[in-house]
Amino acid sequence: MEELEEYKNLIVESTIYKTTYTRKFENRPVYQPPDHNEIRSFIPGTIIDVQVKKGQKVNEGETILILEAMKMYNDVRMPFNGTIKKVNIKKGETIPKNHLMIEITPEE
């Protein structure tokens, strides 16, 4: 006797489809909205320079670190005025994509 596949609901733009899920789909990471108070690496690379330290007040647009990736230097800039809450990297460190580099407290 064959085992029947279990159909599940898949909702796309308020239309419900009955389907089976692949193992890859079922094991995918759960989406988490980005936290704007965290600076994460957008590409794997090496930290060339960290220009801020914990407790430092930084203005929007200032360079907070330099990340080398694919033989290019990328200035990572402060997205808004705030204070550096925590620095999770150091100069010379190699980091993967989506690594939490710096945590920020926004200015009120």
N, C-alpha and C. Protein backbone atom coordinates (compact mmCIF):
# COMPACT_ATOMS: atom_id res chain seq x y z
N MET A 1 0.84 -1.18 0.00
CA MET A 1 0.00 0.00 0.00
C MET A 1 0.88 1.25 0.00
N GLU A 2 0.65 2.13 -0.92
CA GLU A 2 1.44 3.34 -1.03
C GLU A 2 1.06 4.34 0.06
N GLU A 3 2.08 5.05 0.51
CA GLU A 3 1.86 6.08 1.51
C GLU A 3 1.37 7.34 0.78
N LEU A 4 0.28 7.89 1.25
CA LEU A 4 -0.27 9.10 0.62
C LEU A 4 0.50 10.33 1.07
N GLU A 5 0.78 11.20 0.12
CA GLU A 5 1.47 12.44 0.46
C GLU A 5 0.49 13.40 1.11
N GLU A 6 0.98 14.11 2.09
CA GLU A 6 0.13 15.06 2.80
C GLU A 6 0.19 16.42 2.09
N TYR A 7 -0.97 16.91 1.69
CA TYR A 7 -1.04 18.21 1.03
C TYR A 7 -1.18 19.29 2.09
N LYS A 8 -0.49 20.39 1.84
CA LYS A 8 -0.52 21.53 2.76
C LYS A 8 -0.96 22.76 1.99
N ASN A 9 -1.43 23.74 2.74
CA ASN A 9 -1.87 24.99 2.13
C ASN A 9 -0.67 25.91 1.90
N LEU A 10 -0.64 26.50 0.73
CA LEU A 10 0.35 27.52 0.39
C LEU A 10 -0.45 28.73 -0.07
N ILE A 11 -0.27 29.85 0.63
CA ILE A 11 -1.05 31.05 0.33
C ILE A 11 -0.16 32.05 -0.41
N VAL A 12 -0.59 32.43 -1.60
CA VAL A 12 0.12 33.41 -2.42
C VAL A 12 -0.89 34.48 -2.82
N GLU A 13 -0.66 35.71 -2.32
CA GLU A 13 -1.55 36.84 -2.61
C GLU A 13 -3.01 36.46 -2.40
N SER A 14 -3.30 35.93 -1.23
CA SER A 14 -4.64 35.54 -0.75
C SER A 14 -5.30 34.41 -1.55
N THR A 15 -4.56 33.72 -2.40
CA THR A 15 -5.06 32.53 -3.09
C THR A 15 -4.44 31.31 -2.42
N ILE A 16 -5.27 30.32 -2.07
CA ILE A 16 -4.81 29.13 -1.37
C ILE A 16 -4.61 28.00 -2.37
N TYR A 17 -3.40 27.42 -2.34
CA TYR A 17 -3.08 26.28 -3.19
C TYR A 17 -2.81 25.07 -2.31
N LYS A 18 -3.26 23.89 -2.72
CA LYS A 18 -2.96 22.63 -2.04
C LYS A 18 -1.73 22.05 -2.73
N THR A 19 -0.68 21.77 -1.95
CA THR A 19 0.57 21.30 -2.54
C THR A 19 1.35 20.46 -1.53
N THR A 20 2.40 19.85 -2.00
CA THR A 20 3.35 19.20 -1.09
C THR A 20 4.59 20.07 -1.03
N TYR A 21 5.25 20.07 0.10
CA TYR A 21 6.46 20.87 0.28
C TYR A 21 7.68 19.99 0.06
N THR A 22 8.71 20.55 -0.54
CA THR A 22 9.98 19.84 -0.65
C THR A 22 10.70 19.91 0.69
N ARG A 23 11.63 19.01 0.88
CA ARG A 23 12.41 19.01 2.13
C ARG A 23 13.18 20.32 2.28
N LYS A 24 13.72 20.84 1.17
CA LYS A 24 14.44 22.11 1.21
C LYS A 24 13.53 23.25 1.68
N PHE A 25 12.29 23.27 1.19
CA PHE A 25 11.34 24.31 1.59
C PHE A 25 10.99 24.19 3.07
N GLU A 26 10.77 22.98 3.54
CA GLU A 26 10.40 22.78 4.95
C GLU A 26 11.55 23.12 5.89
N ASN A 27 12.81 22.95 5.45
CA ASN A 27 13.96 23.20 6.31
C ASN A 27 14.57 24.59 6.12
N ARG A 28 13.93 25.44 5.35
CA ARG A 28 14.47 26.78 5.10
C ARG A 28 14.49 27.59 6.40
N PRO A 29 15.40 28.55 6.51
CA PRO A 29 15.43 29.39 7.71
C PRO A 29 14.17 30.27 7.76
N VAL A 30 13.69 30.49 8.95
CA VAL A 30 12.51 31.31 9.14
C VAL A 30 12.90 32.78 8.94
N TYR A 31 12.08 33.51 8.19
CA TYR A 31 12.36 34.91 7.91
C TYR A 31 12.29 35.73 9.20
N GLN A 32 13.28 36.57 9.40
CA GLN A 32 13.30 37.49 10.53
C GLN A 32 13.50 38.89 9.97
N PRO A 33 12.62 39.81 10.31
CA PRO A 33 12.80 41.17 9.80
C PRO A 33 14.12 41.76 10.32
N PRO A 34 14.77 42.60 9.53
CA PRO A 34 16.05 43.17 9.96
C PRO A 34 15.89 44.08 11.16
N ASP A 35 16.90 44.06 12.05
CA ASP A 35 16.95 44.95 13.20
C ASP A 35 17.81 46.15 12.78
N HIS A 36 17.22 47.32 12.74
CA HIS A 36 17.94 48.51 12.25
C HIS A 36 19.00 49.00 13.23
N ASN A 37 19.04 48.42 14.43
CA ASN A 37 20.04 48.80 15.41
C ASN A 37 21.25 47.87 15.37
N GLU A 38 21.34 47.05 14.34
CA GLU A 38 22.47 46.15 14.16
C GLU A 38 23.11 46.39 12.79
N ILE A 39 24.43 46.43 12.76
CA ILE A 39 25.16 46.52 11.50
C ILE A 39 25.71 45.12 11.23
N ARG A 40 25.23 44.48 10.17
CA ARG A 40 25.66 43.13 9.81
C ARG A 40 26.43 43.19 8.50
N SER A 41 27.34 42.24 8.33
CA SER A 41 28.12 42.19 7.09
C SER A 41 27.21 41.77 5.94
N PHE A 42 27.32 42.45 4.83
CA PHE A 42 26.50 42.16 3.65
C PHE A 42 27.22 41.20 2.71
N ILE A 43 28.50 40.93 3.01
CA ILE A 43 29.33 40.05 2.18
C ILE A 43 30.45 39.53 3.08
N PRO A 44 30.96 38.31 2.84
CA PRO A 44 32.10 37.86 3.65
C PRO A 44 33.34 38.68 3.33
N GLY A 45 34.19 38.88 4.33
CA GLY A 45 35.39 39.67 4.08
C GLY A 45 36.27 39.78 5.31
N THR A 46 37.22 40.70 5.25
CA THR A 46 38.18 40.93 6.33
C THR A 46 38.02 42.36 6.84
N ILE A 47 38.03 42.52 8.14
CA ILE A 47 37.95 43.85 8.75
C ILE A 47 39.32 44.52 8.62
N ILE A 48 39.37 45.62 7.89
CA ILE A 48 40.61 46.37 7.68
C ILE A 48 40.83 47.37 8.81
N ASP A 49 39.75 48.04 9.24
CA ASP A 49 39.87 49.04 10.30
C ASP A 49 38.52 49.22 10.99
N VAL A 50 38.56 49.37 12.31
CA VAL A 50 37.38 49.70 13.10
C VAL A 50 37.61 51.11 13.64
N GLN A 51 36.74 52.05 13.27
CA GLN A 51 36.97 53.45 13.61
C GLN A 51 36.10 53.96 14.75
N VAL A 52 35.40 53.04 15.44
CA VAL A 52 34.56 53.43 16.57
C VAL A 52 34.84 52.50 17.74
N LYS A 53 34.38 52.92 18.93
CA LYS A 53 34.50 52.07 20.11
C LYS A 53 33.21 52.19 20.93
N LYS A 54 33.02 51.29 21.85
CA LYS A 54 31.82 51.24 22.67
C LYS A 54 31.62 52.57 23.39
N GLY A 55 30.38 53.08 23.36
CA GLY A 55 30.04 54.32 24.03
C GLY A 55 30.24 55.58 23.20
N GLN A 56 30.84 55.45 22.04
CA GLN A 56 31.12 56.61 21.19
C GLN A 56 29.85 57.08 20.48
N LYS A 57 29.64 58.38 20.47
CA LYS A 57 28.51 58.95 19.72
C LYS A 57 28.97 59.17 18.27
N VAL A 58 28.12 58.74 17.33
CA VAL A 58 28.48 58.82 15.92
C VAL A 58 27.32 59.45 15.15
N ASN A 59 27.64 60.31 14.20
CA ASN A 59 26.62 60.96 13.38
C ASN A 59 26.35 60.17 12.11
N GLU A 60 25.16 60.34 11.58
CA GLU A 60 24.76 59.69 10.33
C GLU A 60 25.76 59.98 9.23
N GLY A 61 26.17 58.94 8.49
CA GLY A 61 27.06 59.10 7.36
C GLY A 61 28.53 58.95 7.67
N GLU A 62 28.91 58.96 8.95
CA GLU A 62 30.32 58.78 9.30
C GLU A 62 30.74 57.33 9.07
N THR A 63 31.98 57.13 8.63
CA THR A 63 32.51 55.78 8.45
C THR A 63 32.77 55.17 9.82
N ILE A 64 32.22 53.95 10.03
CA ILE A 64 32.44 53.29 11.32
C ILE A 64 33.43 52.12 11.20
N LEU A 65 33.56 51.57 10.00
CA LEU A 65 34.55 50.51 9.78
C LEU A 65 34.81 50.34 8.30
N ILE A 66 35.91 49.66 7.98
CA ILE A 66 36.24 49.36 6.59
C ILE A 66 36.33 47.85 6.46
N LEU A 67 35.58 47.31 5.51
CA LEU A 67 35.51 45.88 5.25
C LEU A 67 36.08 45.60 3.86
N GLU A 68 37.09 44.74 3.79
CA GLU A 68 37.63 44.36 2.49
C GLU A 68 36.92 43.09 2.03
N ALA A 69 36.37 43.13 0.83
CA ALA A 69 35.70 41.98 0.25
C ALA A 69 35.97 41.98 -1.25
N MET A 70 36.38 40.86 -1.78
CA MET A 70 36.64 40.71 -3.21
C MET A 70 37.62 41.78 -3.72
N LYS A 71 38.67 42.02 -2.95
CA LYS A 71 39.75 42.97 -3.29
C LYS A 71 39.28 44.42 -3.36
N MET A 72 38.15 44.72 -2.72
CA MET A 72 37.66 46.10 -2.67
C MET A 72 37.46 46.50 -1.22
N TYR A 73 37.75 47.75 -0.91
CA TYR A 73 37.51 48.27 0.42
C TYR A 73 36.12 48.91 0.44
N ASN A 74 35.32 48.52 1.43
CA ASN A 74 33.96 49.03 1.57
C ASN A 74 33.85 49.84 2.86
N ASP A 75 33.54 51.12 2.73
CA ASP A 75 33.28 51.94 3.92
C ASP A 75 31.89 51.60 4.42
N VAL A 76 31.80 51.18 5.67
CA VAL A 76 30.50 50.94 6.28
C VAL A 76 30.19 52.18 7.10
N ARG A 77 29.08 52.83 6.76
CA ARG A 77 28.74 54.12 7.36
C ARG A 77 27.58 54.01 8.34
N MET A 78 27.55 54.93 9.27
CA MET A 78 26.50 54.98 10.29
C MET A 78 25.18 55.34 9.59
N PRO A 79 24.11 54.54 9.81
CA PRO A 79 22.84 54.79 9.13
C PRO A 79 22.03 55.95 9.74
N PHE A 80 22.30 56.29 11.00
CA PHE A 80 21.57 57.37 11.69
C PHE A 80 22.42 57.83 12.88
N ASN A 81 22.05 58.94 13.49
CA ASN A 81 22.77 59.42 14.67
C ASN A 81 22.51 58.46 15.83
N GLY A 82 23.57 58.12 16.55
CA GLY A 82 23.41 57.21 17.68
C GLY A 82 24.70 56.96 18.42
N THR A 83 24.63 56.01 19.35
CA THR A 83 25.76 55.64 20.19
C THR A 83 26.11 54.18 19.93
N ILE A 84 27.38 53.88 19.89
CA ILE A 84 27.83 52.51 19.70
C ILE A 84 27.59 51.74 20.99
N LYS A 85 26.75 50.72 20.91
CA LYS A 85 26.40 49.90 22.08
C LYS A 85 27.43 48.79 22.29
N LYS A 86 27.84 48.13 21.18
CA LYS A 86 28.78 47.01 21.29
C LYS A 86 29.49 46.82 19.95
N VAL A 87 30.79 46.53 20.00
CA VAL A 87 31.59 46.23 18.81
C VAL A 87 31.96 44.75 18.89
N ASN A 88 31.51 43.97 17.91
CA ASN A 88 31.70 42.51 17.93
C ASN A 88 32.79 42.03 16.97
N ILE A 89 33.64 42.94 16.51
CA ILE A 89 34.69 42.60 15.55
C ILE A 89 35.99 43.25 15.97
N LYS A 90 37.08 42.82 15.36
CA LYS A 90 38.37 43.48 15.59
C LYS A 90 39.15 43.52 14.28
N LYS A 91 40.09 44.42 14.22
CA LYS A 91 40.90 44.60 13.01
C LYS A 91 41.60 43.29 12.64
N GLY A 92 41.55 42.93 11.36
CA GLY A 92 42.20 41.73 10.86
C GLY A 92 41.33 40.48 10.89
N GLU A 93 40.17 40.57 11.51
CA GLU A 93 39.28 39.41 11.62
C GLU A 93 38.59 39.13 10.29
N THR A 94 38.47 37.85 9.94
CA THR A 94 37.73 37.43 8.75
C THR A 94 36.33 37.04 9.20
N ILE A 95 35.32 37.59 8.54
CA ILE A 95 33.93 37.35 8.97
C ILE A 95 33.09 36.81 7.82
N PRO A 96 32.04 36.03 8.15
CA PRO A 96 31.14 35.53 7.11
C PRO A 96 30.04 36.55 6.79
N LYS A 97 29.26 36.26 5.78
CA LYS A 97 28.11 37.09 5.44
C LYS A 97 27.12 37.07 6.61
N ASN A 98 26.46 38.18 6.86
CA ASN A 98 25.43 38.34 7.89
C ASN A 98 25.97 38.26 9.31
N HIS A 99 27.27 38.50 9.49
CA HIS A 99 27.88 38.50 10.82
C HIS A 99 27.52 39.81 11.53
N LEU A 100 27.12 39.72 12.80
CA LEU A 100 26.79 40.92 13.58
C LEU A 100 28.08 41.64 13.92
N MET A 101 28.30 42.82 13.32
CA MET A 101 29.54 43.55 13.53
C MET A 101 29.41 44.58 14.65
N ILE A 102 28.38 45.41 14.58
CA ILE A 102 28.23 46.51 15.55
C ILE A 102 26.76 46.65 15.93
N GLU A 103 26.53 46.91 17.23
CA GLU A 103 25.20 47.19 17.73
C GLU A 103 25.11 48.66 18.08
N ILE A 104 23.98 49.28 17.75
CA ILE A 104 23.81 50.73 17.89
C ILE A 104 22.58 51.04 18.74
N THR A 105 22.67 52.10 19.53
CA THR A 105 21.51 52.66 20.23
C THR A 105 21.19 53.97 19.54
N PRO A 106 19.97 54.13 18.98
CA PRO A 106 19.64 55.37 18.28
C PRO A 106 19.57 56.56 19.22
N GLU A 107 19.92 57.73 18.67
CA GLU A 107 19.82 58.96 19.44
C GLU A 107 18.35 59.36 19.55
N GLU A 108 17.97 59.76 20.73
CA GLU A 108 16.54 60.14 20.92
C GLU A 108 16.31 61.60 20.79
